[in-house]
PDB file of all heavy atoms in Angstrom:
ATOM      1  N   PHE A   1     216.184 281.790 153.395  1.00  0.00           N
ATOM      2  CA  PHE A   1     217.021 282.905 152.939  1.00  0.00           C
ATOM      3  C   PHE A   1     216.643 284.176 153.685  1.00  0.00           C
ATOM      4  O   PHE A   1     215.479 284.391 154.043  1.00  0.00           O
ATOM      5  CB  PHE A   1     216.814 283.161 151.440  1.00  0.00           C
ATOM      6  CG  PHE A   1     217.341 282.089 150.530  1.00  0.00           C
ATOM      7  CD1 PHE A   1     217.770 280.854 150.994  1.00  0.00           C
ATOM      8  CD2 PHE A   1     217.387 282.333 149.162  1.00  0.00           C
ATOM      9  CE1 PHE A   1     218.246 279.874 150.131  1.00  0.00           C
ATOM     10  CE2 PHE A   1     217.867 281.359 148.286  1.00  0.00           C
ATOM     11  CZ  PHE A   1     218.290 280.140 148.775  1.00  0.00           C
ATOM     12  N   THR A   2     217.624 285.057 153.886  1.00  0.00           N
ATOM     13  CA  THR A   2     217.392 286.348 154.515  1.00  0.00           C
ATOM     14  C   THR A   2     218.073 287.444 153.712  1.00  0.00           C
ATOM     15  O   THR A   2     219.284 287.373 153.470  1.00  0.00           O
ATOM     16  CB  THR A   2     217.930 286.375 155.957  1.00  0.00           C
ATOM     17  OG1 THR A   2     217.307 285.341 156.730  1.00  0.00           O
ATOM     18  CG2 THR A   2     217.620 287.724 156.608  1.00  0.00           C
ATOM     19  N   ILE A   3     217.308 288.439 153.301  1.00  0.00           N
ATOM     20  CA  ILE A   3     217.863 289.587 152.595  1.00  0.00           C
ATOM     21  C   ILE A   3     218.094 290.712 153.600  1.00  0.00           C
ATOM     22  O   ILE A   3     217.275 290.930 154.500  1.00  0.00           O
ATOM     23  CB  ILE A   3     216.939 290.047 151.440  1.00  0.00           C
ATOM     24  CG1 ILE A   3     217.603 291.145 150.605  1.00  0.00           C
ATOM     25  CG2 ILE A   3     215.582 290.509 151.974  1.00  0.00           C
ATOM     26  CD1 ILE A   3     216.823 291.510 149.337  1.00  0.00           C
ATOM     27  N   SER A   4     219.197 291.417 153.463  1.00  0.00           N
ATOM     28  CA  SER A   4     219.505 292.541 154.333  1.00  0.00           C
ATOM     29  C   SER A   4     220.370 293.530 153.579  1.00  0.00           C
ATOM     30  O   SER A   4     220.854 293.239 152.476  1.00  0.00           O
ATOM     31  CB  SER A   4     220.211 292.079 155.615  1.00  0.00           C
ATOM     32  OG  SER A   4     221.450 291.468 155.324  1.00  0.00           O
ATOM     33  N   LYS A   5     220.558 294.708 154.148  1.00  0.00           N
ATOM     34  CA  LYS A   5     221.394 295.709 153.508  1.00  0.00           C
ATOM     35  C   LYS A   5     222.077 296.583 154.534  1.00  0.00           C
ATOM     36  O   LYS A   5     221.621 296.724 155.675  1.00  0.00           O
ATOM     37  CB  LYS A   5     220.572 296.577 152.543  1.00  0.00           C
ATOM     38  CG  LYS A   5     219.468 297.390 153.216  1.00  0.00           C
ATOM     39  CD  LYS A   5     218.727 298.248 152.196  1.00  0.00           C
ATOM     40  CE  LYS A   5     217.627 299.063 152.862  1.00  0.00           C
ATOM     41  NZ  LYS A   5     216.941 299.935 151.875  1.00  0.00           N
ATOM     42  N   ASP A   6     223.198 297.164 154.120  1.00  0.00           N
ATOM     43  CA  ASP A   6     223.927 298.126 154.913  1.00  0.00           C
ATOM     44  C   ASP A   6     223.933 299.408 154.091  1.00  0.00           C
ATOM     45  O   ASP A   6     224.701 299.535 153.137  1.00  0.00           O
ATOM     46  CB  ASP A   6     225.339 297.643 155.201  1.00  0.00           C
ATOM     47  CG  ASP A   6     226.104 298.560 156.129  1.00  0.00           C
ATOM     48  OD1 ASP A   6     225.824 299.774 156.162  1.00  0.00           O
ATOM     49  OD2 ASP A   6     227.004 298.061 156.837  1.00  0.00           O
ATOM     50  N   ASN A   7     223.073 300.344 154.433  1.00  0.00           N
ATOM     51  CA  ASN A   7     222.947 301.575 153.657  1.00  0.00           C
ATOM     52  C   ASN A   7     224.227 302.400 153.651  1.00  0.00           C
ATOM     53  O   ASN A   7     224.557 303.031 152.651  1.00  0.00           O
ATOM     54  CB  ASN A   7     221.787 302.421 154.184  1.00  0.00           C
ATOM     55  CG  ASN A   7     220.435 301.841 153.848  1.00  0.00           C
ATOM     56  OD1 ASN A   7     220.280 301.109 152.875  1.00  0.00           O
ATOM     57  ND2 ASN A   7     219.434 302.175 154.660  1.00  0.00           N
ATOM     58  N   ALA A   8     224.945 302.424 154.769  1.00  0.00           N
ATOM     59  CA  ALA A   8     226.179 303.189 154.856  1.00  0.00           C
ATOM     60  C   ALA A   8     227.230 302.670 153.882  1.00  0.00           C
ATOM     61  O   ALA A   8     228.040 303.446 153.374  1.00  0.00           O
ATOM     62  CB  ALA A   8     226.716 303.168 156.278  1.00  0.00           C
ATOM     63  N   LYS A   9     227.225 301.366 153.628  1.00  0.00           N
ATOM     64  CA  LYS A   9     228.187 300.741 152.721  1.00  0.00           C
ATOM     65  C   LYS A   9     227.635 300.537 151.320  1.00  0.00           C
ATOM     66  O   LYS A   9     228.357 300.074 150.436  1.00  0.00           O
ATOM     67  CB  LYS A   9     228.646 299.406 153.276  1.00  0.00           C
ATOM     68  CG  LYS A   9     229.406 299.488 154.581  1.00  0.00           C
ATOM     69  CD  LYS A   9     229.841 298.107 155.038  1.00  0.00           C
ATOM     70  CE  LYS A   9     230.638 298.174 156.325  1.00  0.00           C
ATOM     71  NZ  LYS A   9     231.062 296.821 156.781  1.00  0.00           N
ATOM     72  N   ASN A  10     226.369 300.873 151.110  1.00  0.00           N
ATOM     73  CA  ASN A  10     225.706 300.612 149.827  1.00  0.00           C
ATOM     74  C   ASN A  10     225.895 299.156 149.401  1.00  0.00           C
ATOM     75  O   ASN A  10     226.230 298.853 148.252  1.00  0.00           O
ATOM     76  CB  ASN A  10     226.233 301.547 148.737  1.00  0.00           C
ATOM     77  CG  ASN A  10     225.391 302.804 148.574  1.00  0.00           C
ATOM     78  OD1 ASN A  10     224.518 303.105 149.385  1.00  0.00           O
ATOM     79  ND2 ASN A  10     225.654 303.544 147.503  1.00  0.00           N
ATOM     80  N   THR A  11     225.661 298.262 150.349  1.00  0.00           N
ATOM     81  CA  THR A  11     225.863 296.843 150.102  1.00  0.00           C
ATOM     82  C   THR A  11     224.617 296.050 150.481  1.00  0.00           C
ATOM     83  O   THR A  11     224.036 296.267 151.546  1.00  0.00           O
ATOM     84  CB  THR A  11     227.076 296.314 150.878  1.00  0.00           C
ATOM     85  OG1 THR A  11     228.246 297.033 150.483  1.00  0.00           O
ATOM     86  CG2 THR A  11     227.299 294.836 150.587  1.00  0.00           C
ATOM     87  N   LEU A  12     224.237 295.145 149.609  1.00  0.00           N
ATOM     88  CA  LEU A  12     223.095 294.253 149.796  1.00  0.00           C
ATOM     89  C   LEU A  12     223.613 292.851 150.072  1.00  0.00           C
ATOM     90  O   LEU A  12     224.632 292.441 149.510  1.00  0.00           O
ATOM     91  CB  LEU A  12     222.241 294.258 148.533  1.00  0.00           C
ATOM     92  CG  LEU A  12     220.986 293.403 148.500  1.00  0.00           C
ATOM     93  CD1 LEU A  12     219.897 294.027 149.370  1.00  0.00           C
ATOM     94  CD2 LEU A  12     220.497 293.243 147.063  1.00  0.00           C
ATOM     95  N   TYR A  13     222.896 292.097 150.900  1.00  0.00           N
ATOM     96  CA  TYR A  13     223.313 290.738 151.255  1.00  0.00           C
ATOM     97  C   TYR A  13     222.159 289.756 151.082  1.00  0.00           C
ATOM     98  O   TYR A  13     220.985 290.121 151.168  1.00  0.00           O
ATOM     99  CB  TYR A  13     223.778 290.669 152.712  1.00  0.00           C
ATOM    100  CG  TYR A  13     224.888 291.624 153.052  1.00  0.00           C
ATOM    101  CD1 TYR A  13     224.616 292.843 153.649  1.00  0.00           C
ATOM    102  CD2 TYR A  13     226.210 291.294 152.784  1.00  0.00           C
ATOM    103  CE1 TYR A  13     225.629 293.724 153.966  1.00  0.00           C
ATOM    104  CE2 TYR A  13     227.236 292.174 153.095  1.00  0.00           C
ATOM    105  CZ  TYR A  13     226.942 293.381 153.683  1.00  0.00           C
ATOM    106  OH  TYR A  13     227.958 294.247 153.996  1.00  0.00           O
ATOM    107  N   LEU A  14     222.523 288.508 150.855  1.00  0.00           N
ATOM    108  CA  LEU A  14     221.559 287.419 150.864  1.00  0.00           C
ATOM    109  C   LEU A  14     222.184 286.250 151.613  1.00  0.00           C
ATOM    110  O   LEU A  14     223.122 285.619 151.113  1.00  0.00           O
ATOM    111  CB  LEU A  14     221.173 286.994 149.444  1.00  0.00           C
ATOM    112  CG  LEU A  14     220.097 285.908 149.363  1.00  0.00           C
ATOM    113  CD1 LEU A  14     218.752 286.460 149.838  1.00  0.00           C
ATOM    114  CD2 LEU A  14     219.968 285.362 147.940  1.00  0.00           C
ATOM    115  N   GLN A  15     221.678 285.983 152.806  1.00  0.00           N
ATOM    116  CA  GLN A  15     222.117 284.831 153.578  1.00  0.00           C
ATOM    117  C   GLN A  15     221.263 283.637 153.182  1.00  0.00           C
ATOM    118  O   GLN A  15     220.038 283.682 153.302  1.00  0.00           O
ATOM    119  CB  GLN A  15     221.974 285.095 155.079  1.00  0.00           C
ATOM    120  CG  GLN A  15     222.380 283.925 155.964  1.00  0.00           C
ATOM    121  CD  GLN A  15     223.859 283.607 155.873  1.00  0.00           C
ATOM    122  OE1 GLN A  15     224.698 284.509 155.943  1.00  0.00           O
ATOM    123  NE2 GLN A  15     224.192 282.329 155.698  1.00  0.00           N
ATOM    124  N   MET A  16     221.897 282.576 152.720  1.00  0.00           N
ATOM    125  CA  MET A  16     221.199 281.392 152.241  1.00  0.00           C
ATOM    126  C   MET A  16     221.570 280.208 153.125  1.00  0.00           C
ATOM    127  O   MET A  16     222.737 279.812 153.176  1.00  0.00           O
ATOM    128  CB  MET A  16     221.560 281.106 150.779  1.00  0.00           C
ATOM    129  CG  MET A  16     221.304 282.283 149.846  1.00  0.00           C
ATOM    130  SD  MET A  16     221.594 281.865 148.104  1.00  0.00           S
ATOM    131  CE  MET A  16     223.361 281.572 148.145  1.00  0.00           C
ATOM    132  N   ASN A  17     220.580 279.652 153.800  1.00  0.00           N
ATOM    133  CA  ASN A  17     220.772 278.501 154.668  1.00  0.00           C
ATOM    134  C   ASN A  17     219.955 277.323 154.149  1.00  0.00           C
ATOM    135  O   ASN A  17     219.034 277.483 153.361  1.00  0.00           O
ATOM    136  CB  ASN A  17     220.355 278.822 156.101  1.00  0.00           C
ATOM    137  CG  ASN A  17     221.161 279.932 156.727  1.00  0.00           C
ATOM    138  OD1 ASN A  17     222.358 280.067 156.461  1.00  0.00           O
ATOM    139  ND2 ASN A  17     220.517 280.730 157.577  1.00  0.00           N
ATOM    140  N   SER A  18     220.280 276.132 154.640  1.00  0.00           N
ATOM    141  CA  SER A  18     219.556 274.908 154.267  1.00  0.00           C
ATOM    142  C   SER A  18     219.415 274.784 152.758  1.00  0.00           C
ATOM    143  O   SER A  18     218.334 274.507 152.237  1.00  0.00           O
ATOM    144  CB  SER A  18     218.182 274.882 154.939  1.00  0.00           C
ATOM    145  OG  SER A  18     218.296 274.956 156.344  1.00  0.00           O
ATOM    146  N   LEU A  19     220.513 274.966 152.066  1.00  0.00           N
ATOM    147  CA  LEU A  19     220.478 274.970 150.609  1.00  0.00           C
ATOM    148  C   LEU A  19     220.107 273.609 150.037  1.00  0.00           C
ATOM    149  O   LEU A  19     220.480 272.568 150.578  1.00  0.00           O
ATOM    150  CB  LEU A  19     221.828 275.429 150.061  1.00  0.00           C
ATOM    151  CG  LEU A  19     222.064 276.940 150.169  1.00  0.00           C
ATOM    152  CD1 LEU A  19     223.546 277.272 150.026  1.00  0.00           C
ATOM    153  CD2 LEU A  19     221.256 277.679 149.095  1.00  0.00           C
ATOM    154  N   LYS A  20     219.377 273.653 148.935  1.00  0.00           N
ATOM    155  CA  LYS A  20     218.910 272.467 148.226  1.00  0.00           C
ATOM    156  C   LYS A  20     219.434 272.482 146.801  1.00  0.00           C
ATOM    157  O   LYS A  20     219.742 273.554 146.264  1.00  0.00           O
ATOM    158  CB  LYS A  20     217.375 272.444 148.190  1.00  0.00           C
ATOM    159  CG  LYS A  20     216.690 272.590 149.537  1.00  0.00           C
ATOM    160  CD  LYS A  20     215.187 272.719 149.345  1.00  0.00           C
ATOM    161  CE  LYS A  20     214.475 272.906 150.663  1.00  0.00           C
ATOM    162  NZ  LYS A  20     213.015 273.068 150.481  1.00  0.00           N
ATOM    163  N   PRO A  21     219.513 271.319 146.154  1.00  0.00           N
ATOM    164  CA  PRO A  21     219.948 271.296 144.757  1.00  0.00           C
ATOM    165  C   PRO A  21     219.114 272.213 143.853  1.00  0.00           C
ATOM    166  O   PRO A  21     219.654 272.785 142.901  1.00  0.00           O
ATOM    167  CB  PRO A  21     219.778 269.820 144.360  1.00  0.00           C
ATOM    168  CG  PRO A  21     220.019 269.095 145.643  1.00  0.00           C
ATOM    169  CD  PRO A  21     219.376 269.953 146.693  1.00  0.00           C
ATOM    170  N   GLU A  22     217.834 272.369 144.139  1.00  0.00           N
ATOM    171  CA  GLU A  22     216.971 273.234 143.330  1.00  0.00           C
ATOM    172  C   GLU A  22     217.317 274.714 143.463  1.00  0.00           C
ATOM    173  O   GLU A  22     216.807 275.533 142.700  1.00  0.00           O
ATOM    174  CB  GLU A  22     215.494 273.011 143.700  1.00  0.00           C
ATOM    175  CG  GLU A  22     215.136 273.419 145.114  1.00  0.00           C
ATOM    176  CD  GLU A  22     213.747 272.948 145.524  1.00  0.00           C
ATOM    177  OE1 GLU A  22     213.493 271.725 145.468  1.00  0.00           O
ATOM    178  OE2 GLU A  22     212.906 273.798 145.882  1.00  0.00           O
ATOM    179  N   ASP A  23     218.176 275.070 144.415  1.00  0.00           N
ATOM    180  CA  ASP A  23     218.642 276.443 144.548  1.00  0.00           C
ATOM    181  C   ASP A  23     219.770 276.760 143.570  1.00  0.00           C
ATOM    182  O   ASP A  23     220.185 277.922 143.467  1.00  0.00           O
ATOM    183  CB  ASP A  23     219.124 276.717 145.974  1.00  0.00           C
ATOM    184  CG  ASP A  23     218.009 276.652 147.000  1.00  0.00           C
ATOM    185  OD1 ASP A  23     216.909 277.155 146.724  1.00  0.00           O
ATOM    186  OD2 ASP A  23     218.258 276.086 148.095  1.00  0.00           O
ATOM    187  N   THR A  24     220.273 275.755 142.888  1.00  0.00           N
ATOM    188  CA  THR A  24     221.345 275.956 141.923  1.00  0.00           C
ATOM    189  C   THR A  24     220.887 276.901 140.815  1.00  0.00           C
ATOM    190  O   THR A  24     219.883 276.649 140.155  1.00  0.00           O
ATOM    191  CB  THR A  24     221.793 274.618 141.323  1.00  0.00           C
ATOM    192  OG1 THR A  24     222.360 273.807 142.353  1.00  0.00           O
ATOM    193  CG2 THR A  24     222.842 274.833 140.233  1.00  0.00           C
ATOM    194  N   ALA A  25     221.613 277.997 140.634  1.00  0.00           N
ATOM    195  CA  ALA A  25     221.229 279.016 139.651  1.00  0.00           C
ATOM    196  C   ALA A  25     222.282 280.108 139.627  1.00  0.00           C
ATOM    197  O   ALA A  25     223.178 280.160 140.477  1.00  0.00           O
ATOM    198  CB  ALA A  25     219.869 279.621 140.001  1.00  0.00           C
TER     199      ALA A  25
END
């Protein structure tokens, strides 16, 4: 997973790769 943000847009992101069933939530 990678967390990032765009301060100009006041937006937060979470890129999730290689997802597993245990990530279900």
